[in-house]
Amino acid sequence: MFKTRIALSAFFAAMAVAPLATQAAGLPSPHENLQDQALEECTVEAPSDTPLASGRIVAVDKEAGRVTIDYRPLPLLPEGGVRVFAVEDPSSLKGLGPGDRVRFELERDGRGFVVTRLENSN
């Protein structure tokens, strides 16, 4: 077990120093392409024909334009759970209350998420 820790420590140290060595030698970093690719993947938006997520409303705050939804894992939120979401169009909260089943679509908004589409599925 001790040898494994030393081997892992050496591996991570080499990975940390590798970009510095290539930069000092004037070579392109092996991670540059991965970073560019990751940026491209982050800016790609999901197509609008994707199936809607489903969940159950826990609470509605019409004045603040927020809804609390108990949801299953989603592509954007793989952990699932209960979360408060801002709603893009507060008028879509009309007629909804705790316990209602809904289908919804999310978009990332900085650090949070915004419900862009909300349908009652009762």
N, C-alpha and C. Protein backbone atom coordinates (compact mmCIF):
# COMPACT_ATOMS: atom_id res chain seq x y z
N MET A 1 0.83 -1.18 0.00
CA MET A 1 0.00 0.00 0.00
C MET A 1 0.87 1.25 0.00
N PHE A 2 1.98 1.22 0.73
CA PHE A 2 2.88 2.35 0.77
C PHE A 2 3.48 2.62 -0.60
N LYS A 3 3.84 1.52 -1.33
CA LYS A 3 4.41 1.67 -2.67
C LYS A 3 3.38 2.29 -3.62
N THR A 4 2.11 1.93 -3.45
CA THR A 4 1.05 2.49 -4.28
C THR A 4 0.94 4.00 -4.06
N ARG A 5 1.02 4.43 -2.82
CA ARG A 5 0.94 5.86 -2.51
C ARG A 5 2.12 6.61 -3.13
N ILE A 6 3.30 6.02 -3.06
CA ILE A 6 4.48 6.67 -3.64
C ILE A 6 4.32 6.75 -5.15
N ALA A 7 3.86 5.68 -5.76
CA ALA A 7 3.67 5.66 -7.22
C ALA A 7 2.63 6.70 -7.64
N LEU A 8 1.53 6.79 -6.90
CA LEU A 8 0.51 7.78 -7.22
C LEU A 8 1.02 9.20 -7.02
N SER A 9 1.78 9.42 -5.97
CA SER A 9 2.36 10.74 -5.72
C SER A 9 3.30 11.14 -6.85
N ALA A 10 4.12 10.21 -7.29
CA ALA A 10 5.04 10.48 -8.39
C ALA A 10 4.28 10.77 -9.68
N PHE A 11 3.22 10.02 -9.92
CA PHE A 11 2.41 10.23 -11.13
C PHE A 11 1.80 11.62 -11.13
N PHE A 12 1.17 12.01 -10.03
CA PHE A 12 0.52 13.32 -9.97
C PHE A 12 1.54 14.45 -10.02
N ALA A 13 2.70 14.27 -9.44
CA ALA A 13 3.75 15.28 -9.52
C ALA A 13 4.21 15.44 -10.96
N ALA A 14 4.37 14.33 -11.68
CA ALA A 14 4.79 14.39 -13.08
C ALA A 14 3.72 15.08 -13.93
N MET A 15 2.45 14.82 -13.64
CA MET A 15 1.36 15.44 -14.39
C MET A 15 1.31 16.95 -14.14
N ALA A 16 1.65 17.35 -12.93
CA ALA A 16 1.64 18.77 -12.60
C ALA A 16 2.80 19.51 -13.26
N VAL A 17 3.93 18.85 -13.40
CA VAL A 17 5.13 19.48 -13.94
C VAL A 17 5.15 19.41 -15.47
N ALA A 18 4.48 18.46 -16.09
CA ALA A 18 4.54 18.27 -17.53
C ALA A 18 4.14 19.52 -18.31
N PRO A 19 3.05 20.22 -17.98
CA PRO A 19 2.73 21.42 -18.75
C PRO A 19 3.80 22.50 -18.62
N LEU A 20 4.44 22.61 -17.45
CA LEU A 20 5.48 23.60 -17.27
C LEU A 20 6.70 23.28 -18.12
N ALA A 21 7.04 22.00 -18.22
CA ALA A 21 8.21 21.58 -19.01
C ALA A 21 7.97 21.83 -20.49
N THR A 22 6.79 21.54 -20.99
CA THR A 22 6.52 21.76 -22.41
C THR A 22 6.45 23.25 -22.71
N GLN A 23 5.95 24.04 -21.76
CA GLN A 23 5.88 25.48 -21.96
C GLN A 23 7.28 26.08 -22.00
N ALA A 24 8.17 25.62 -21.12
CA ALA A 24 9.54 26.12 -21.09
C ALA A 24 10.29 25.75 -22.36
N ALA A 25 9.96 24.60 -22.94
CA ALA A 25 10.64 24.15 -24.16
C ALA A 25 10.02 24.79 -25.40
N GLY A 26 8.94 25.56 -25.24
CA GLY A 26 8.30 26.20 -26.38
C GLY A 26 7.38 25.28 -27.14
N LEU A 27 7.04 24.14 -26.56
CA LEU A 27 6.14 23.19 -27.19
C LEU A 27 4.70 23.46 -26.76
N PRO A 28 3.74 23.12 -27.62
CA PRO A 28 2.34 23.30 -27.20
C PRO A 28 2.00 22.31 -26.09
N SER A 29 1.17 22.73 -25.18
CA SER A 29 0.76 21.88 -24.06
C SER A 29 -0.15 20.77 -24.57
N PRO A 30 0.03 19.55 -24.07
CA PRO A 30 -0.85 18.46 -24.51
C PRO A 30 -2.28 18.66 -24.04
N HIS A 31 -2.47 19.57 -23.08
CA HIS A 31 -3.80 19.80 -22.55
C HIS A 31 -4.54 20.92 -23.26
N GLU A 32 -3.87 21.67 -24.14
CA GLU A 32 -4.51 22.79 -24.81
C GLU A 32 -5.70 22.33 -25.63
N ASN A 33 -5.52 21.28 -26.40
CA ASN A 33 -6.63 20.79 -27.22
C ASN A 33 -7.79 20.34 -26.34
N LEU A 34 -7.49 19.72 -25.23
CA LEU A 34 -8.55 19.28 -24.32
C LEU A 34 -9.28 20.46 -23.73
N GLN A 35 -8.55 21.51 -23.38
CA GLN A 35 -9.18 22.70 -22.82
C GLN A 35 -10.07 23.37 -23.85
N ASP A 36 -9.59 23.50 -25.09
CA ASP A 36 -10.40 24.09 -26.15
C ASP A 36 -11.65 23.26 -26.41
N GLN A 37 -11.47 21.95 -26.42
CA GLN A 37 -12.59 21.05 -26.66
C GLN A 37 -13.60 21.16 -25.52
N ALA A 38 -13.13 21.25 -24.29
CA ALA A 38 -14.03 21.38 -23.15
C ALA A 38 -14.80 22.68 -23.22
N LEU A 39 -14.15 23.77 -23.65
CA LEU A 39 -14.86 25.04 -23.80
C LEU A 39 -15.94 24.94 -24.85
N GLU A 40 -15.63 24.29 -25.97
CA GLU A 40 -16.63 24.13 -27.02
C GLU A 40 -17.81 23.32 -26.51
N GLU A 41 -17.54 22.27 -25.74
CA GLU A 41 -18.61 21.43 -25.23
C GLU A 41 -19.49 22.20 -24.24
N CYS A 42 -18.90 23.11 -23.48
CA CYS A 42 -19.66 23.87 -22.50
C CYS A 42 -20.58 24.88 -23.15
N THR A 43 -20.21 25.38 -24.32
CA THR A 43 -21.01 26.41 -24.96
C THR A 43 -22.08 25.83 -25.88
N VAL A 44 -22.07 24.54 -26.10
CA VAL A 44 -23.07 23.91 -26.95
C VAL A 44 -24.38 23.81 -26.17
N GLU A 45 -25.47 24.29 -26.77
CA GLU A 45 -26.77 24.23 -26.11
C GLU A 45 -27.50 22.96 -26.52
N ALA A 46 -28.32 22.47 -25.62
CA ALA A 46 -29.11 21.29 -25.91
C ALA A 46 -30.18 21.63 -26.94
N PRO A 47 -30.46 20.73 -27.85
CA PRO A 47 -31.51 21.00 -28.83
C PRO A 47 -32.86 21.13 -28.14
N SER A 48 -33.73 21.95 -28.73
CA SER A 48 -35.02 22.23 -28.11
C SER A 48 -35.98 21.04 -28.19
N ASP A 49 -35.66 20.03 -29.00
CA ASP A 49 -36.56 18.88 -29.12
C ASP A 49 -36.23 17.78 -28.12
N THR A 50 -35.38 18.07 -27.13
CA THR A 50 -35.06 17.09 -26.11
C THR A 50 -36.28 16.85 -25.23
N PRO A 51 -36.44 15.65 -24.70
CA PRO A 51 -37.60 15.38 -23.85
C PRO A 51 -37.53 16.22 -22.58
N LEU A 52 -38.69 16.59 -22.10
CA LEU A 52 -38.76 17.39 -20.88
C LEU A 52 -38.50 16.53 -19.66
N ALA A 53 -37.93 17.15 -18.64
CA ALA A 53 -37.71 16.47 -17.36
C ALA A 53 -39.03 16.42 -16.62
N SER A 54 -39.13 15.52 -15.66
CA SER A 54 -40.36 15.44 -14.89
C SER A 54 -40.05 15.57 -13.41
N GLY A 55 -41.04 16.05 -12.68
CA GLY A 55 -40.88 16.22 -11.24
C GLY A 55 -42.20 16.55 -10.58
N ARG A 56 -42.11 16.86 -9.30
CA ARG A 56 -43.30 17.20 -8.52
C ARG A 56 -43.02 18.51 -7.80
N ILE A 57 -43.99 19.41 -7.85
CA ILE A 57 -43.83 20.71 -7.20
C ILE A 57 -43.94 20.57 -5.69
N VAL A 58 -42.99 21.18 -5.00
CA VAL A 58 -42.99 21.20 -3.54
C VAL A 58 -43.55 22.53 -3.05
N ALA A 59 -43.15 23.64 -3.71
CA ALA A 59 -43.63 24.97 -3.32
C ALA A 59 -43.57 25.90 -4.52
N VAL A 60 -44.44 26.93 -4.50
CA VAL A 60 -44.46 27.93 -5.56
C VAL A 60 -44.41 29.31 -4.92
N ASP A 61 -43.51 30.16 -5.40
CA ASP A 61 -43.42 31.55 -4.95
C ASP A 61 -43.64 32.43 -6.17
N LYS A 62 -44.92 32.77 -6.42
CA LYS A 62 -45.27 33.52 -7.63
C LYS A 62 -44.68 34.92 -7.63
N GLU A 63 -44.62 35.57 -6.46
CA GLU A 63 -44.09 36.94 -6.39
C GLU A 63 -42.61 36.98 -6.77
N ALA A 64 -41.85 36.00 -6.33
CA ALA A 64 -40.41 35.96 -6.62
C ALA A 64 -40.10 35.25 -7.94
N GLY A 65 -41.11 34.61 -8.53
CA GLY A 65 -40.89 33.88 -9.78
C GLY A 65 -40.01 32.67 -9.59
N ARG A 66 -40.28 31.93 -8.49
CA ARG A 66 -39.48 30.73 -8.18
C ARG A 66 -40.40 29.56 -7.90
N VAL A 67 -39.87 28.38 -8.17
CA VAL A 67 -40.60 27.15 -7.91
C VAL A 67 -39.63 26.12 -7.33
N THR A 68 -40.10 25.38 -6.35
CA THR A 68 -39.30 24.30 -5.75
C THR A 68 -39.81 23.00 -6.34
N ILE A 69 -38.91 22.23 -6.94
CA ILE A 69 -39.28 20.99 -7.63
C ILE A 69 -38.48 19.82 -7.07
N ASP A 70 -39.18 18.73 -6.82
CA ASP A 70 -38.54 17.45 -6.47
C ASP A 70 -38.39 16.71 -7.80
N TYR A 71 -37.17 16.48 -8.24
CA TYR A 71 -36.92 15.94 -9.58
C TYR A 71 -35.98 14.75 -9.52
N ARG A 72 -36.04 13.95 -10.57
CA ARG A 72 -35.11 12.83 -10.74
C ARG A 72 -33.87 13.34 -11.43
N PRO A 73 -32.80 12.54 -11.47
CA PRO A 73 -31.56 12.99 -12.13
C PRO A 73 -31.80 13.46 -13.56
N LEU A 74 -31.12 14.56 -13.91
CA LEU A 74 -31.23 15.18 -15.23
C LEU A 74 -29.83 15.27 -15.83
N PRO A 75 -29.74 15.47 -17.14
CA PRO A 75 -28.41 15.64 -17.73
C PRO A 75 -27.63 16.81 -17.12
N LEU A 76 -28.31 17.92 -16.84
CA LEU A 76 -27.63 19.07 -16.23
C LEU A 76 -27.41 18.90 -14.73
N LEU A 77 -28.28 18.12 -14.09
CA LEU A 77 -28.21 17.90 -12.64
C LEU A 77 -28.30 16.41 -12.35
N PRO A 78 -27.18 15.70 -12.48
CA PRO A 78 -27.22 14.25 -12.37
C PRO A 78 -27.50 13.70 -10.97
N GLU A 79 -27.50 14.56 -9.95
CA GLU A 79 -27.72 14.05 -8.60
C GLU A 79 -29.20 13.93 -8.23
N GLY A 80 -30.09 14.65 -8.89
CA GLY A 80 -31.50 14.61 -8.53
C GLY A 80 -31.73 15.24 -7.17
N GLY A 81 -32.98 15.38 -6.76
CA GLY A 81 -33.29 15.91 -5.45
C GLY A 81 -34.33 17.00 -5.49
N VAL A 82 -34.31 17.87 -4.50
CA VAL A 82 -35.24 18.99 -4.39
C VAL A 82 -34.43 20.27 -4.52
N ARG A 83 -34.89 21.18 -5.37
CA ARG A 83 -34.14 22.41 -5.60
C ARG A 83 -35.10 23.54 -5.96
N VAL A 84 -34.74 24.76 -5.59
CA VAL A 84 -35.49 25.95 -5.94
C VAL A 84 -34.94 26.48 -7.26
N PHE A 85 -35.83 26.69 -8.23
CA PHE A 85 -35.44 27.19 -9.54
C PHE A 85 -36.12 28.52 -9.81
N ALA A 86 -35.39 29.43 -10.45
CA ALA A 86 -36.00 30.64 -10.97
C ALA A 86 -36.80 30.23 -12.21
N VAL A 87 -37.86 30.98 -12.49
CA VAL A 87 -38.70 30.68 -13.64
C VAL A 87 -38.60 31.84 -14.62
N GLU A 88 -38.31 31.53 -15.88
CA GLU A 88 -38.15 32.57 -16.90
C GLU A 88 -39.44 33.36 -17.09
N ASP A 89 -40.57 32.66 -17.13
CA ASP A 89 -41.87 33.30 -17.33
C ASP A 89 -42.75 33.03 -16.11
N PRO A 90 -42.82 33.96 -15.15
CA PRO A 90 -43.59 33.72 -13.93
C PRO A 90 -45.07 33.41 -14.18
N SER A 91 -45.59 33.80 -15.32
CA SER A 91 -47.00 33.50 -15.61
C SER A 91 -47.22 32.00 -15.80
N SER A 92 -46.16 31.25 -16.06
CA SER A 92 -46.29 29.79 -16.22
C SER A 92 -46.56 29.10 -14.88
N LEU A 93 -46.42 29.83 -13.77
CA LEU A 93 -46.70 29.27 -12.44
C LEU A 93 -48.18 29.32 -12.10
N LYS A 94 -48.97 30.01 -12.91
CA LYS A 94 -50.40 30.17 -12.65
C LYS A 94 -51.09 28.80 -12.65
N GLY A 95 -51.83 28.55 -11.59
CA GLY A 95 -52.58 27.31 -11.48
C GLY A 95 -51.79 26.14 -10.93
N LEU A 96 -50.52 26.34 -10.63
CA LEU A 96 -49.70 25.26 -10.09
C LEU A 96 -49.60 25.37 -8.58
N GLY A 97 -49.55 24.23 -7.92
CA GLY A 97 -49.42 24.22 -6.47
C GLY A 97 -48.66 22.99 -6.01
N PRO A 98 -48.39 22.91 -4.71
CA PRO A 98 -47.66 21.77 -4.17
C PRO A 98 -48.36 20.45 -4.49
N GLY A 99 -47.55 19.46 -4.88
CA GLY A 99 -48.07 18.14 -5.21
C GLY A 99 -48.35 17.94 -6.69
N ASP A 100 -48.41 19.02 -7.47
CA ASP A 100 -48.67 18.90 -8.91
C ASP A 100 -47.46 18.29 -9.61
N ARG A 101 -47.75 17.38 -10.51
CA ARG A 101 -46.69 16.83 -11.36
C ARG A 101 -46.47 17.77 -12.52
N VAL A 102 -45.19 17.99 -12.84
CA VAL A 102 -44.85 18.89 -13.93
C VAL A 102 -43.77 18.29 -14.81
N ARG A 103 -43.73 18.80 -16.02
CA ARG A 103 -42.64 18.53 -16.94
C ARG A 103 -41.99 19.87 -17.20
N PHE A 104 -40.65 19.88 -17.25
CA PHE A 104 -39.98 21.17 -17.36
C PHE A 104 -38.68 21.05 -18.13
N GLU A 105 -38.20 22.22 -18.56
CA GLU A 105 -36.93 22.32 -19.28
C GLU A 105 -36.08 23.36 -18.57
N LEU A 106 -34.79 23.06 -18.40
CA LEU A 106 -33.86 23.94 -17.69
C LEU A 106 -32.79 24.47 -18.61
N GLU A 107 -32.29 25.65 -18.26
CA GLU A 107 -31.08 26.19 -18.88
C GLU A 107 -30.17 26.69 -17.77
N ARG A 108 -28.89 26.59 -18.00
CA ARG A 108 -27.91 27.09 -17.03
C ARG A 108 -27.87 28.60 -17.12
N ASP A 109 -27.86 29.26 -15.96
CA ASP A 109 -27.79 30.71 -15.89
C ASP A 109 -26.72 31.08 -14.88
N GLY A 110 -25.48 31.18 -15.35
CA GLY A 110 -24.37 31.43 -14.44
C GLY A 110 -24.18 30.23 -13.53
N ARG A 111 -24.33 30.45 -12.23
CA ARG A 111 -24.18 29.36 -11.27
C ARG A 111 -25.49 28.64 -11.00
N GLY A 112 -26.59 29.21 -11.44
CA GLY A 112 -27.89 28.61 -11.17
C GLY A 112 -28.54 28.06 -12.42
N PHE A 113 -29.81 27.72 -12.27
CA PHE A 113 -30.58 27.17 -13.38
C PHE A 113 -31.91 27.90 -13.46
N VAL A 114 -32.43 28.05 -14.67
CA VAL A 114 -33.69 28.72 -14.89
C VAL A 114 -34.62 27.76 -15.62
N VAL A 115 -35.86 27.67 -15.15
CA VAL A 115 -36.86 26.87 -15.83
C VAL A 115 -37.36 27.70 -17.00
N THR A 116 -37.13 27.21 -18.21
CA THR A 116 -37.53 27.95 -19.41
C THR A 116 -38.88 27.48 -19.94
N ARG A 117 -39.29 26.31 -19.53
CA ARG A 117 -40.57 25.75 -19.97
C ARG A 117 -41.13 24.91 -18.84
N LEU A 118 -42.41 25.11 -18.53
CA LEU A 118 -43.03 24.41 -17.41
C LEU A 118 -44.45 24.02 -17.81
N GLU A 119 -44.74 22.72 -17.73
CA GLU A 119 -46.05 22.21 -18.12
C GLU A 119 -46.61 21.36 -17.00
N ASN A 120 -47.90 21.54 -16.72
CA ASN A 120 -48.58 20.70 -15.73
C ASN A 120 -48.85 19.36 -16.39
N SER A 121 -48.51 18.26 -15.74
CA SER A 121 -48.72 16.93 -16.34
C SER A 121 -49.65 16.07 -15.50
N ASN A 122 -50.48 16.70 -14.66
CA ASN A 122 -51.46 15.94 -13.86
C ASN A 122 -52.50 15.31 -14.74
